[in-house]
Amino acid sequence: MTQDLNALKAEMEQYLQESGLVVFHSHARSLDSAPTIFWDTQRRPDFREFLQAAKTADVKLIVLHQREFAAEQIDDALEQLRDCEMPRDDFRDFERRLKQARAYDGSVCEIELSFSLQGTIYAFDVRTAWYQDYSEAVQEIDLLTAVDEDEDNSIGGYFSKN
């Protein structure tokens, strides 16, 4: 995927305006509790095919979500990384992966088009390669932090006198 989705977003918005579909700007639908089916953007990367499928299914409303990357997210992730116990080389690798994303502050890093049909959400989701790498690093750090917290939850020194 491209490094910047700003051009794709503009192309999508123009196409949506010309298509006659109603656009509703919202949060990421992947957070909803309804069952979600994701379009195969690897094999079928053209958003027009997704929107044509929606029109063929008589969908009138398309939900559009875009995520702009904010460098403050990096600071939060770096702080969380400092709380993890790991070998120095691993720490440096995570730190490098996180800091590389700083160059993209303010850039569109993810676009999601979606629609609902018979209780199911159908979604077209694209992310930049750099944001995918950043997200994976944050998820790994979250897992490492959770493991560290689980180990710290012992009640050492307490015992029952019964």
Foldseek 3Di string as FASTA:
>chain_A
DDPFCPVVVVVVVVCCVVVQAAEDEDADCVPPPFAEDEDPCVVPVDVVVVVVVCVVVVHRYKYKYWDADALVVLVVLLVLLVVFDDDPVVSVVLNVLSVVCNVRHGGTFKMKIWDDDPRYIYIYMDGHPSVVSNVVSSVVSVVRSVVVVVVVPDPPPDDDPD
